[in-house]
Each structure stands twice: as C-alpha cells, then as structure tokens.
Amino acid sequence: MSAPTMNDIAAPLAALRLLTADFPTLPAADVGVSTIFPNRLELSFHEDFPAFEAWRSALGIDSDTVTYAEQSSGRTRVLTVWADYAGARLRLIGYTAHPDHMGGAE
C-alpha cells in the first residue's frame, strides 16, 4: 500500500477553501483533516458554543441533528453535528466547560 498523497485529502481541503470563501466573517475554528478519514473535515470550537451555533446556522444544519454529550466526568459539554458539504463529510464540534464545574476546587 502506498503512502497517502495530498490528492487523497483533496475533498476536505476543497470544502475548507469554499467555507473560507463563503463565510469569511464567521468565527475561526480549529481545523482537522486526516489521512485516516480522508473525506472528513472537522471544525472544532473550544469554549465557544456560540461559534458552533453560528456555523450550524449558516450552513443550514437542522438543530435537531445536534447531539449533546459530556466528557471528563461531566466537566466538559460537547455538541456535535455532521453534514455533507462540497463533497466532504463535515463535522462541527463544540466544547465548553460545564457551569457546575467552573472556577474552583470541588
């Protein structure tokens, strides 16, 4: 098996280029592209559910498709949604501290 090439991740990179052109004023995200999941583009937002929501809304993704979870023993809240965009599988993921676990020792 040969090593992956840039062509193998062309779909998520092209989708990222289109997102940048189509939504230049939306909040910046951490961007993930991997040869392990070559068709996936991940935009993640840390401590920023409003940025997650701005992207979800701009892309017209139904809010009913968003999943909620908690991790780190309930300290972190996580929103996730998947959509197809410009030939890539797009994952938006938002993280924020749970208000019950902010600012102090337990």
PDB file of N, CA and C in Angstrom:
ATOM      1  N   MET A   1       0.845  -1.173   0.000  1.00  0.00           N
ATOM      2  CA  MET A   1       0.000   0.000   0.000  1.00  0.00           C
ATOM      3  C   MET A   1       0.893   1.239   0.000  1.00  0.00           C
ATOM      4  N   SER A   2       0.576   2.169  -0.855  1.00  0.00           N
ATOM      5  CA  SER A   2       1.403   3.380  -0.964  1.00  0.00           C
ATOM      6  C   SER A   2       0.976   4.421   0.063  1.00  0.00           C
ATOM      7  N   ALA A   3       1.876   5.333   0.334  1.00  0.00           N
ATOM      8  CA  ALA A   3       1.609   6.409   1.283  1.00  0.00           C
ATOM      9  C   ALA A   3       0.531   7.338   0.722  1.00  0.00           C
ATOM     10  N   PRO A   4      -0.310   7.864   1.593  1.00  0.00           N
ATOM     11  CA  PRO A   4      -1.335   8.804   1.135  1.00  0.00           C
ATOM     12  C   PRO A   4      -0.701  10.050   0.502  1.00  0.00           C
ATOM     13  N   THR A   5      -1.431  10.614  -0.423  1.00  0.00           N
ATOM     14  CA  THR A   5      -0.976  11.840  -1.076  1.00  0.00           C
ATOM     15  C   THR A   5      -1.964  12.967  -0.778  1.00  0.00           C
ATOM     16  N   MET A   6      -1.579  14.162  -1.134  1.00  0.00           N
ATOM     17  CA  MET A   6      -2.477  15.305  -0.958  1.00  0.00           C
ATOM     18  C   MET A   6      -3.772  15.112  -1.732  1.00  0.00           C
ATOM     19  N   ASN A   7      -3.710  14.407  -2.841  1.00  0.00           N
ATOM     20  CA  ASN A   7      -4.916  14.137  -3.621  1.00  0.00           C
ATOM     21  C   ASN A   7      -5.928  13.332  -2.812  1.00  0.00           C
ATOM     22  N   ASP A   8      -5.435  12.490  -1.897  1.00  0.00           N
ATOM     23  CA  ASP A   8      -6.335  11.679  -1.081  1.00  0.00           C
ATOM     24  C   ASP A   8      -7.169  12.520  -0.112  1.00  0.00           C
ATOM     25  N   ILE A   9      -6.697  13.703   0.230  1.00  0.00           N
ATOM     26  CA  ILE A   9      -7.440  14.581   1.142  1.00  0.00           C
ATOM     27  C   ILE A   9      -7.956  15.832   0.425  1.00  0.00           C
ATOM     28  N   ALA A  10      -8.065  15.742  -0.891  1.00  0.00           N
ATOM     29  CA  ALA A  10      -8.491  16.894  -1.691  1.00  0.00           C
ATOM     30  C   ALA A  10      -9.911  17.350  -1.362  1.00  0.00           C
ATOM     31  N   ALA A  11     -10.828  16.418  -1.094  1.00  0.00           N
ATOM     32  CA  ALA A  11     -12.227  16.799  -0.840  1.00  0.00           C
ATOM     33  C   ALA A  11     -12.365  17.685   0.400  1.00  0.00           C
ATOM     34  N   PRO A  12     -11.813  17.311   1.559  1.00  0.00           N
ATOM     35  CA  PRO A  12     -11.974  18.203   2.706  1.00  0.00           C
ATOM     36  C   PRO A  12     -11.213  19.519   2.554  1.00  0.00           C
ATOM     37  N   LEU A  13     -10.093  19.498   1.847  1.00  0.00           N
ATOM     38  CA  LEU A  13      -9.359  20.749   1.632  1.00  0.00           C
ATOM     39  C   LEU A  13     -10.133  21.692   0.713  1.00  0.00           C
ATOM     40  N   ALA A  14     -10.778  21.128  -0.304  1.00  0.00           N
ATOM     41  CA  ALA A  14     -11.603  21.947  -1.196  1.00  0.00           C
ATOM     42  C   ALA A  14     -12.807  22.505  -0.427  1.00  0.00           C
ATOM     43  N   ALA A  15     -13.405  21.679   0.436  1.00  0.00           N
ATOM     44  CA  ALA A  15     -14.532  22.151   1.245  1.00  0.00           C
ATOM     45  C   ALA A  15     -14.095  23.282   2.169  1.00  0.00           C
ATOM     46  N   LEU A  16     -12.913  23.150   2.757  1.00  0.00           N
ATOM     47  CA  LEU A  16     -12.397  24.212   3.626  1.00  0.00           C
ATOM     48  C   LEU A  16     -12.193  25.501   2.842  1.00  0.00           C
ATOM     49  N   ARG A  17     -11.680  25.378   1.643  1.00  0.00           N
ATOM     50  CA  ARG A  17     -11.495  26.568   0.797  1.00  0.00           C
ATOM     51  C   ARG A  17     -12.835  27.248   0.514  1.00  0.00           C
ATOM     52  N   LEU A  18     -13.856  26.456   0.204  1.00  0.00           N
ATOM     53  CA  LEU A  18     -15.181  27.018  -0.063  1.00  0.00           C
ATOM     54  C   LEU A  18     -15.786  27.656   1.191  1.00  0.00           C
ATOM     55  N   LEU A  19     -15.632  27.003   2.334  1.00  0.00           N
ATOM     56  CA  LEU A  19     -16.145  27.581   3.577  1.00  0.00           C
ATOM     57  C   LEU A  19     -15.491  28.926   3.866  1.00  0.00           C
ATOM     58  N   THR A  20     -14.196  29.000   3.629  1.00  0.00           N
ATOM     59  CA  THR A  20     -13.461  30.246   3.854  1.00  0.00           C
ATOM     60  C   THR A  20     -13.966  31.347   2.932  1.00  0.00           C
ATOM     61  N   ALA A  21     -14.229  30.992   1.688  1.00  0.00           N
ATOM     62  CA  ALA A  21     -14.715  31.981   0.727  1.00  0.00           C
ATOM     63  C   ALA A  21     -16.167  32.380   0.989  1.00  0.00           C
ATOM     64  N   ASP A  22     -16.994  31.391   1.342  1.00  0.00           N
ATOM     65  CA  ASP A  22     -18.423  31.646   1.507  1.00  0.00           C
ATOM     66  C   ASP A  22     -18.788  32.270   2.852  1.00  0.00           C
ATOM     67  N   PHE A  23     -17.960  32.047   3.875  1.00  0.00           N
ATOM     68  CA  PHE A  23     -18.284  32.518   5.228  1.00  0.00           C
ATOM     69  C   PHE A  23     -17.078  33.194   5.886  1.00  0.00           C
ATOM     70  N   PRO A  24     -16.533  34.219   5.261  1.00  0.00           N
ATOM     71  CA  PRO A  24     -15.293  34.814   5.783  1.00  0.00           C
ATOM     72  C   PRO A  24     -15.443  35.514   7.132  1.00  0.00           C
ATOM     73  N   THR A  25     -16.651  35.873   7.506  1.00  0.00           N
ATOM     74  CA  THR A  25     -16.828  36.608   8.758  1.00  0.00           C
ATOM     75  C   THR A  25     -17.236  35.723   9.936  1.00  0.00           C
ATOM     76  N   LEU A  26     -17.434  34.434   9.685  1.00  0.00           N
ATOM     77  CA  LEU A  26     -17.774  33.540  10.794  1.00  0.00           C
ATOM     78  C   LEU A  26     -16.540  33.294  11.659  1.00  0.00           C
ATOM     79  N   PRO A  27     -16.750  32.899  12.910  1.00  0.00           N
ATOM     80  CA  PRO A  27     -15.609  32.672  13.807  1.00  0.00           C
ATOM     81  C   PRO A  27     -14.654  31.602  13.270  1.00  0.00           C
ATOM     82  N   ALA A  28     -13.376  31.832  13.504  1.00  0.00           N
ATOM     83  CA  ALA A  28     -12.364  30.847  13.112  1.00  0.00           C
ATOM     84  C   ALA A  28     -12.499  29.606  13.982  1.00  0.00           C
ATOM     85  N   ALA A  29     -12.139  28.475  13.410  1.00  0.00           N
ATOM     86  CA  ALA A  29     -12.227  27.189  14.105  1.00  0.00           C
ATOM     87  C   ALA A  29     -10.871  26.511  14.080  1.00  0.00           C
ATOM     88  N   ASP A  30     -10.704  25.548  14.975  1.00  0.00           N
ATOM     89  CA  ASP A  30      -9.589  24.619  14.822  1.00  0.00           C
ATOM     90  C   ASP A  30     -10.001  23.683  13.693  1.00  0.00           C
ATOM     91  N   VAL A  31      -9.090  23.426  12.773  1.00  0.00           N
ATOM     92  CA  VAL A  31      -9.405  22.654  11.577  1.00  0.00           C
ATOM     93  C   VAL A  31      -8.688  21.313  11.633  1.00  0.00           C
ATOM     94  N   GLY A  32      -9.428  20.261  11.327  1.00  0.00           N
ATOM     95  CA  GLY A  32      -8.836  18.931  11.301  1.00  0.00           C
ATOM     96  C   GLY A  32      -9.082  18.241   9.980  1.00  0.00           C
ATOM     97  N   VAL A  33      -7.995  17.766   9.374  1.00  0.00           N
ATOM     98  CA  VAL A  33      -8.031  16.942   8.171  1.00  0.00           C
ATOM     99  C   VAL A  33      -7.029  15.816   8.414  1.00  0.00           C
ATOM    100  N   SER A  34      -7.394  14.590   8.094  1.00  0.00           N
ATOM    101  CA  SER A  34      -6.535  13.457   8.395  1.00  0.00           C
ATOM    102  C   SER A  34      -6.562  12.428   7.274  1.00  0.00           C
ATOM    103  N   THR A  35      -5.435  11.801   7.041  1.00  0.00           N
ATOM    104  CA  THR A  35      -5.401  10.704   6.071  1.00  0.00           C
ATOM    105  C   THR A  35      -6.106   9.461   6.609  1.00  0.00           C
ATOM    106  N   ILE A  36      -6.362   9.412   7.908  1.00  0.00           N
ATOM    107  CA  ILE A  36      -7.084   8.273   8.485  1.00  0.00           C
ATOM    108  C   ILE A  36      -8.545   8.286   8.040  1.00  0.00           C
ATOM    109  N   PHE A  37      -9.141   9.489   8.009  1.00  0.00           N
ATOM    110  CA  PHE A  37     -10.502   9.684   7.496  1.00  0.00           C
ATOM    111  C   PHE A  37     -10.403  10.703   6.373  1.00  0.00           C
ATOM    112  N   PRO A  38      -9.967  10.289   5.181  1.00  0.00           N
ATOM    113  CA  PRO A  38      -9.592  11.242   4.131  1.00  0.00           C
ATOM    114  C   PRO A  38     -10.715  12.093   3.562  1.00  0.00           C
ATOM    115  N   ASN A  39     -11.959  11.746   3.837  1.00  0.00           N
ATOM    116  CA  ASN A  39     -13.075  12.538   3.308  1.00  0.00           C
ATOM    117  C   ASN A  39     -13.647  13.492   4.353  1.00  0.00           C
ATOM    118  N   ARG A  40     -13.073  13.501   5.561  1.00  0.00           N
ATOM    119  CA  ARG A  40     -13.646  14.253   6.681  1.00  0.00           C
ATOM    120  C   ARG A  40     -12.936  15.598   6.884  1.00  0.00           C
ATOM    121  N   LEU A  41     -13.759  16.610   7.136  1.00  0.00           N
ATOM    122  CA  LEU A  41     -13.279  17.923   7.555  1.00  0.00           C
ATOM    123  C   LEU A  41     -13.919  18.210   8.898  1.00  0.00           C
ATOM    124  N   GLU A  42     -13.084  18.512   9.897  1.00  0.00           N
ATOM    125  CA  GLU A  42     -13.608  18.803  11.224  1.00  0.00           C
ATOM    126  C   GLU A  42     -13.318  20.243  11.592  1.00  0.00           C
ATOM    127  N   LEU A  43     -14.354  20.936  12.025  1.00  0.00           N
ATOM    128  CA  LEU A  43     -14.217  22.285  12.569  1.00  0.00           C
ATOM    129  C   LEU A  43     -14.594  22.200  14.041  1.00  0.00           C
ATOM    130  N   SER A  44     -13.650  22.514  14.917  1.00  0.00           N
ATOM    131  CA  SER A  44     -13.928  22.428  16.346  1.00  0.00           C
ATOM    132  C   SER A  44     -13.783  23.790  17.002  1.00  0.00           C
ATOM    133  N   PHE A  45     -14.607  23.981  18.008  1.00  0.00           N
ATOM    134  CA  PHE A  45     -14.697  25.253  18.714  1.00  0.00           C
ATOM    135  C   PHE A  45     -14.556  24.974  20.206  1.00  0.00           C
ATOM    136  N   HIS A  46     -13.549  25.547  20.816  1.00  0.00           N
ATOM    137  CA  HIS A  46     -13.259  25.306  22.226  1.00  0.00           C
ATOM    138  C   HIS A  46     -13.722  26.495  23.057  1.00  0.00           C
ATOM    139  N   GLU A  47     -14.500  26.202  24.099  1.00  0.00           N
ATOM    140  CA  GLU A  47     -15.086  27.225  24.970  1.00  0.00           C
ATOM    141  C   GLU A  47     -15.955  28.200  24.187  1.00  0.00           C
ATOM    142  N   ASP A  48     -16.652  27.692  23.171  1.00  0.00           N
ATOM    143  CA  ASP A  48     -17.378  28.615  22.303  1.00  0.00           C
ATOM    144  C   ASP A  48     -18.577  27.959  21.628  1.00  0.00           C
ATOM    145  N   PHE A  49     -19.624  27.656  22.405  1.00  0.00           N
ATOM    146  CA  PHE A  49     -20.856  27.157  21.794  1.00  0.00           C
ATOM    147  C   PHE A  49     -21.475  28.176  20.830  1.00  0.00           C
ATOM    148  N   PRO A  50     -21.399  29.497  21.095  1.00  0.00           N
ATOM    149  CA  PRO A  50     -21.966  30.437  20.119  1.00  0.00           C
ATOM    150  C   PRO A  50     -21.310  30.345  18.734  1.00  0.00           C
ATOM    151  N   ALA A  51     -20.011  30.089  18.668  1.00  0.00           N
ATOM    152  CA  ALA A  51     -19.346  29.933  17.372  1.00  0.00           C
ATOM    153  C   ALA A  51     -19.841  28.671  16.673  1.00  0.00           C
ATOM    154  N   PHE A  52     -19.974  27.586  17.421  1.00  0.00           N
ATOM    155  CA  PHE A  52     -20.535  26.345  16.885  1.00  0.00           C
ATOM    156  C   PHE A  52     -21.912  26.626  16.292  1.00  0.00           C
ATOM    157  N   GLU A  53     -22.741  27.326  17.046  1.00  0.00           N
ATOM    158  CA  GLU A  53     -24.101  27.621  16.609  1.00  0.00           C
ATOM    159  C   GLU A  53     -24.122  28.530  15.388  1.00  0.00           C
ATOM    160  N   ALA A  54     -23.207  29.499  15.317  1.00  0.00           N
ATOM    161  CA  ALA A  54     -23.136  30.389  14.149  1.00  0.00           C
ATOM    162  C   ALA A  54     -22.862  29.579  12.880  1.00  0.00           C
ATOM    163  N   TRP A  55     -21.929  28.640  12.963  1.00  0.00           N
ATOM    164  CA  TRP A  55     -21.620  27.794  11.807  1.00  0.00           C
ATOM    165  C   TRP A  55     -22.786  26.864  11.467  1.00  0.00           C
ATOM    166  N   ARG A  56     -23.379  26.243  12.485  1.00  0.00           N
ATOM    167  CA  ARG A  56     -24.501  25.344  12.234  1.00  0.00           C
ATOM    168  C   ARG A  56     -25.627  26.078  11.525  1.00  0.00           C
ATOM    169  N   SER A  57     -25.933  27.261  12.010  1.00  0.00           N
ATOM    170  CA  SER A  57     -27.000  28.053  11.430  1.00  0.00           C
ATOM    171  C   SER A  57     -26.664  28.504  10.006  1.00  0.00           C
ATOM    172  N   ALA A  58     -25.454  29.004   9.801  1.00  0.00           N
ATOM    173  CA  ALA A  58     -25.038  29.480   8.475  1.00  0.00           C
ATOM    174  C   ALA A  58     -25.083  28.369   7.435  1.00  0.00           C
ATOM    175  N   LEU A  59     -24.774  27.152   7.859  1.00  0.00           N
ATOM    176  CA  LEU A  59     -24.778  26.019   6.932  1.00  0.00           C
ATOM    177  C   LEU A  59     -26.160  25.400   6.773  1.00  0.00           C
ATOM    178  N   GLY A  60     -27.132  25.909   7.510  1.00  0.00           N
ATOM    179  CA  GLY A  60     -28.493  25.399   7.390  1.00  0.00           C
ATOM    180  C   GLY A  60     -28.666  23.992   7.925  1.00  0.00           C
ATOM    181  N   ILE A  61     -27.859  23.619   8.915  1.00  0.00           N
ATOM    182  CA  ILE A  61     -27.952  22.289   9.504  1.00  0.00           C
ATOM    183  C   ILE A  61     -29.041  22.312  10.578  1.00  0.00           C
ATOM    184  N   ASP A  62     -29.957  21.396  10.497  1.00  0.00           N
ATOM    185  CA  ASP A  62     -31.092  21.320  11.422  1.00  0.00           C
ATOM    186  C   ASP A  62     -30.600  21.139  12.861  1.00  0.00           C
ATOM    187  N   SER A  63     -31.080  21.967  13.758  1.00  0.00           N
ATOM    188  CA  SER A  63     -30.661  21.882  15.162  1.00  0.00           C
ATOM    189  C   SER A  63     -31.065  20.555  15.805  1.00  0.00           C
ATOM    190  N   ASP A  64     -32.078  19.894  15.252  1.00  0.00           N
ATOM    191  CA  ASP A  64     -32.498  18.600  15.792  1.00  0.00           C
ATOM    192  C   ASP A  64     -31.476  17.493  15.539  1.00  0.00           C
ATOM    193  N   THR A  65     -30.509  17.741  14.673  1.00  0.00           N
ATOM    194  CA  THR A  65     -29.491  16.727  14.387  1.00  0.00           C
ATOM    195  C   THR A  65     -28.247  16.882  15.258  1.00  0.00           C
ATOM    196  N   VAL A  66     -28.209  17.906  16.096  1.00  0.00           N
ATOM    197  CA  VAL A  66     -27.078  18.121  17.001  1.00  0.00           C
ATOM    198  C   VAL A  66     -27.177  17.145  18.165  1.00  0.00           C
ATOM    199  N   THR A  67     -26.055  16.525  18.497  1.00  0.00           N
ATOM    200  CA  THR A  67     -26.020  15.649  19.667  1.00  0.00           C
ATOM    201  C   THR A  67     -25.270  16.342  20.800  1.00  0.00           C
ATOM    202  N   TYR A  68     -25.691  16.028  22.014  1.00  0.00           N
ATOM    203  CA  TYR A  68     -25.084  16.589  23.223  1.00  0.00           C
ATOM    204  C   TYR A  68     -24.489  15.446  24.025  1.00  0.00           C
ATOM    205  N   ALA A  69     -23.299  15.687  24.552  1.00  0.00           N
ATOM    206  CA  ALA A  69     -22.662  14.705  25.432  1.00  0.00           C
ATOM    207  C   ALA A  69     -21.832  15.456  26.457  1.00  0.00           C
ATOM    208  N   GLU A  70     -21.394  14.719  27.459  1.00  0.00           N
ATOM    209  CA  GLU A  70     -20.470  15.260  28.442  1.00  0.00           C
ATOM    210  C   GLU A  70     -19.279  14.324  28.512  1.00  0.00           C
ATOM    211  N   GLN A  71     -18.125  14.897  28.799  1.00  0.00           N
ATOM    212  CA  GLN A  71     -16.916  14.099  28.955  1.00  0.00           C
ATOM    213  C   GLN A  71     -16.131  14.626  30.153  1.00  0.00           C
ATOM    214  N   SER A  72     -15.050  13.975  30.485  1.00  0.00           N
ATOM    215  CA  SER A  72     -14.212  14.351  31.626  1.00  0.00           C
ATOM    216  C   SER A  72     -15.039  14.402  32.914  1.00  0.00           C
ATOM    217  N   SER A  73     -15.759  13.310  33.165  1.00  0.00           N
ATOM    218  CA  SER A  73     -16.596  13.195  34.367  1.00  0.00           C
ATOM    219  C   SER A  73     -17.597  14.345  34.482  1.00  0.00           C
ATOM    220  N   GLY A  74     -18.133  14.777  33.360  1.00  0.00           N
ATOM    221  CA  GLY A  74     -19.156  15.817  33.355  1.00  0.00           C
ATOM    222  C   GLY A  74     -18.615  17.233  33.354  1.00  0.00           C
ATOM    223  N   ARG A  75     -17.315  17.404  33.295  1.00  0.00           N
ATOM    224  CA  ARG A  75     -16.726  18.742  33.341  1.00  0.00           C
ATOM    225  C   ARG A  75     -16.815  19.483  32.001  1.00  0.00           C
ATOM    226  N   THR A  76     -16.918  18.740  30.925  1.00  0.00           N
ATOM    227  CA  THR A  76     -16.937  19.347  29.596  1.00  0.00           C
ATOM    228  C   THR A  76     -18.204  18.953  28.863  1.00  0.00           C
ATOM    229  N   ARG A  77     -18.890  19.957  28.322  1.00  0.00           N
ATOM    230  CA  ARG A  77     -20.066  19.720  27.490  1.00  0.00           C
ATOM    231  C   ARG A  77     -19.619  19.708  26.032  1.00  0.00           C
ATOM    232  N   VAL A  78     -20.249  18.857  25.229  1.00  0.00           N
ATOM    233  CA  VAL A  78     -19.847  18.680  23.841  1.00  0.00           C
ATOM    234  C   VAL A  78     -21.078  18.663  22.937  1.00  0.00           C
ATOM    235  N   LEU A  79     -21.057  19.500  21.908  1.00  0.00           N
ATOM    236  CA  LEU A  79     -22.076  19.476  20.850  1.00  0.00           C
ATOM    237  C   LEU A  79     -21.413  18.960  19.578  1.00  0.00           C
ATOM    238  N   THR A  80     -22.100  18.075  18.867  1.00  0.00           N
ATOM    239  CA  THR A  80     -21.569  17.523  17.628  1.00  0.00           C
ATOM    240  C   THR A  80     -22.674  17.454  16.594  1.00  0.00           C
ATOM    241  N   VAL A  81     -22.317  17.753  15.357  1.00  0.00           N
ATOM    242  CA  VAL A  81     -23.253  17.586  14.250  1.00  0.00           C
ATOM    243  C   VAL A  81     -22.462  17.240  12.996  1.00  0.00           C
ATOM    244  N   TRP A  82     -23.068  16.440  12.155  1.00  0.00           N
ATOM    245  CA  TRP A  82     -22.460  16.014  10.893  1.00  0.00           C
ATOM    246  C   TRP A  82     -23.290  16.538   9.730  1.00  0.00           C
ATOM    247  N   ALA A  83     -22.612  16.847   8.634  1.00  0.00           N
ATOM    248  CA  ALA A  83     -23.296  17.260   7.405  1.00  0.00           C
ATOM    249  C   ALA A  83     -22.385  16.975   6.217  1.00  0.00           C
ATOM    250  N   ASP A  84     -22.963  16.869   5.071  1.00  0.00           N
ATOM    251  CA  ASP A  84     -22.178  16.774   3.844  1.00  0.00           C
ATOM    252  C   ASP A  84     -22.040  18.174   3.283  1.00  0.00           C
ATOM    253  N   TYR A  85     -20.820  18.507   2.866  1.00  0.00           N
ATOM    254  CA  TYR A  85     -20.578  19.842   2.324  1.00  0.00           C
ATOM    255  C   TYR A  85     -19.501  19.754   1.251  1.00  0.00           C
ATOM    256  N   ALA A  86     -19.860  20.137   0.057  1.00  0.00           N
ATOM    257  CA  ALA A  86     -18.915  20.246  -1.065  1.00  0.00           C
ATOM    258  C   ALA A  86     -18.072  18.990  -1.251  1.00  0.00           C
ATOM    259  N   GLY A  87     -18.700  17.836  -1.128  1.00  0.00           N
ATOM    260  CA  GLY A  87     -18.006  16.580  -1.363  1.00  0.00           C
ATOM    261  C   GLY A  87     -17.238  16.033  -0.174  1.00  0.00           C
ATOM    262  N   ALA A  88     -17.340  16.685   0.972  1.00  0.00           N
ATOM    263  CA  ALA A  88     -16.662  16.211   2.180  1.00  0.00           C
ATOM    264  C   ALA A  88     -17.695  15.930   3.266  1.00  0.00           C
ATOM    265  N   ARG A  89     -17.313  15.099   4.198  1.00  0.00           N
ATOM    266  CA  ARG A  89     -18.142  14.843   5.378  1.00  0.00           C
ATOM    267  C   ARG A  89     -17.669  15.825   6.443  1.00  0.00           C
ATOM    268  N   LEU A  90     -18.522  16.778   6.780  1.00  0.00           N
ATOM    269  CA  LEU A  90     -18.185  17.862   7.696  1.00  0.00           C
ATOM    270  C   LEU A  90     -18.673  17.522   9.099  1.00  0.00           C
ATOM    271  N   ARG A  91     -17.781  17.697  10.057  1.00  0.00           N
ATOM    272  CA  ARG A  91     -18.145  17.513  11.464  1.00  0.00           C
ATOM    273  C   ARG A  91     -17.882  18.819  12.198  1.00  0.00           C
ATOM    274  N   LEU A  92     -18.931  19.371  12.771  1.00  0.00           N
ATOM    275  CA  LEU A  92     -18.778  20.525  13.663  1.00  0.00           C
ATOM    276  C   LEU A  92     -18.821  19.987  15.077  1.00  0.00           C
ATOM    277  N   ILE A  93     -17.891  20.447  15.901  1.00  0.00           N
ATOM    278  CA  ILE A  93     -17.862  20.000  17.287  1.00  0.00           C
ATOM    279  C   ILE A  93     -17.518  21.174  18.185  1.00  0.00           C
ATOM    280  N   GLY A  94     -18.326  21.349  19.213  1.00  0.00           N
ATOM    281  CA  GLY A  94     -18.117  22.442  20.153  1.00  0.00           C
ATOM    282  C   GLY A  94     -17.902  21.907  21.556  1.00  0.00           C
ATOM    283  N   TYR A  95     -16.962  22.504  22.259  1.00  0.00           N
ATOM    284  CA  TYR A  95     -16.651  22.127  23.635  1.00  0.00           C
ATOM    285  C   TYR A  95     -16.786  23.352  24.530  1.00  0.00           C
ATOM    286  N   THR A  96     -17.256  23.142  25.736  1.00  0.00           N
ATOM    287  CA  THR A  96     -17.235  24.200  26.735  1.00  0.00           C
ATOM    288  C   THR A  96     -17.281  23.566  28.117  1.00  0.00           C
ATOM    289  N   ALA A  97     -16.769  24.282  29.083  1.00  0.00           N
ATOM    290  CA  ALA A  97     -16.803  23.800  30.454  1.00  0.00           C
ATOM    291  C   ALA A  97     -18.234  23.767  30.956  1.00  0.00           C
ATOM    292  N   HIS A  98     -18.557  22.767  31.726  1.00  0.00           N
ATOM    293  CA  HIS A  98     -19.883  22.686  32.343  1.00  0.00           C
ATOM    294  C   HIS A  98     -19.930  23.731  33.458  1.00  0.00           C
ATOM    295  N   PRO A  99     -20.988  24.544  33.506  1.00  0.00           N
ATOM    296  CA  PRO A  99     -21.051  25.616  34.508  1.00  0.00           C
ATOM    297  C   PRO A  99     -20.925  25.112  35.950  1.00  0.00           C
ATOM    298  N   ASP A 100     -21.349  23.900  36.212  1.00  0.00           N
ATOM    299  CA  ASP A 100     -21.266  23.359  37.569  1.00  0.00           C
ATOM    300  C   ASP A 100     -19.836  23.034  37.988  1.00  0.00           C
ATOM    301  N   HIS A 101     -18.923  23.025  37.008  1.00  0.00           N
ATOM    302  CA  HIS A 101     -17.530  22.647  37.298  1.00  0.00           C
ATOM    303  C   HIS A 101     -16.554  23.777  37.004  1.00  0.00           C
ATOM    304  N   MET A 102     -17.022  24.984  36.917  1.00  0.00           N
ATOM    305  CA  MET A 102     -16.151  26.097  36.579  1.00  0.00           C
ATOM    306  C   MET A 102     -15.667  26.823  37.824  1.00  0.00           C
ATOM    307  N   GLY A 103     -14.434  27.254  37.754  1.00  0.00           N
ATOM    308  CA  GLY A 103     -13.905  28.207  38.704  1.00  0.00           C
ATOM    309  C   GLY A 103     -13.726  27.762  40.127  1.00  0.00           C
ATOM    310  N   GLY A 104     -13.093  26.638  40.334  1.00  0.00           N
ATOM    311  CA  GLY A 104     -12.761  26.329  41.722  1.00  0.00           C
ATOM    312  C   GLY A 104     -12.640  24.852  41.996  1.00  0.00           C
ATOM    313  N   ALA A 105     -12.134  24.585  43.163  1.00  0.00           N
ATOM    314  CA  ALA A 105     -11.961  23.203  43.590  1.00  0.00           C
ATOM    315  C   ALA A 105     -13.300  22.647  44.066  1.00  0.00           C
ATOM    316  N   GLU A 106     -13.383  21.341  44.009  1.00  0.00           N
ATOM    317  CA  GLU A 106     -14.616  20.682  44.451  1.00  0.00           C
ATOM    318  C   GLU A 106     -14.503  20.284  45.893  1.00  0.00           C
TER     319      GLU A 106
END
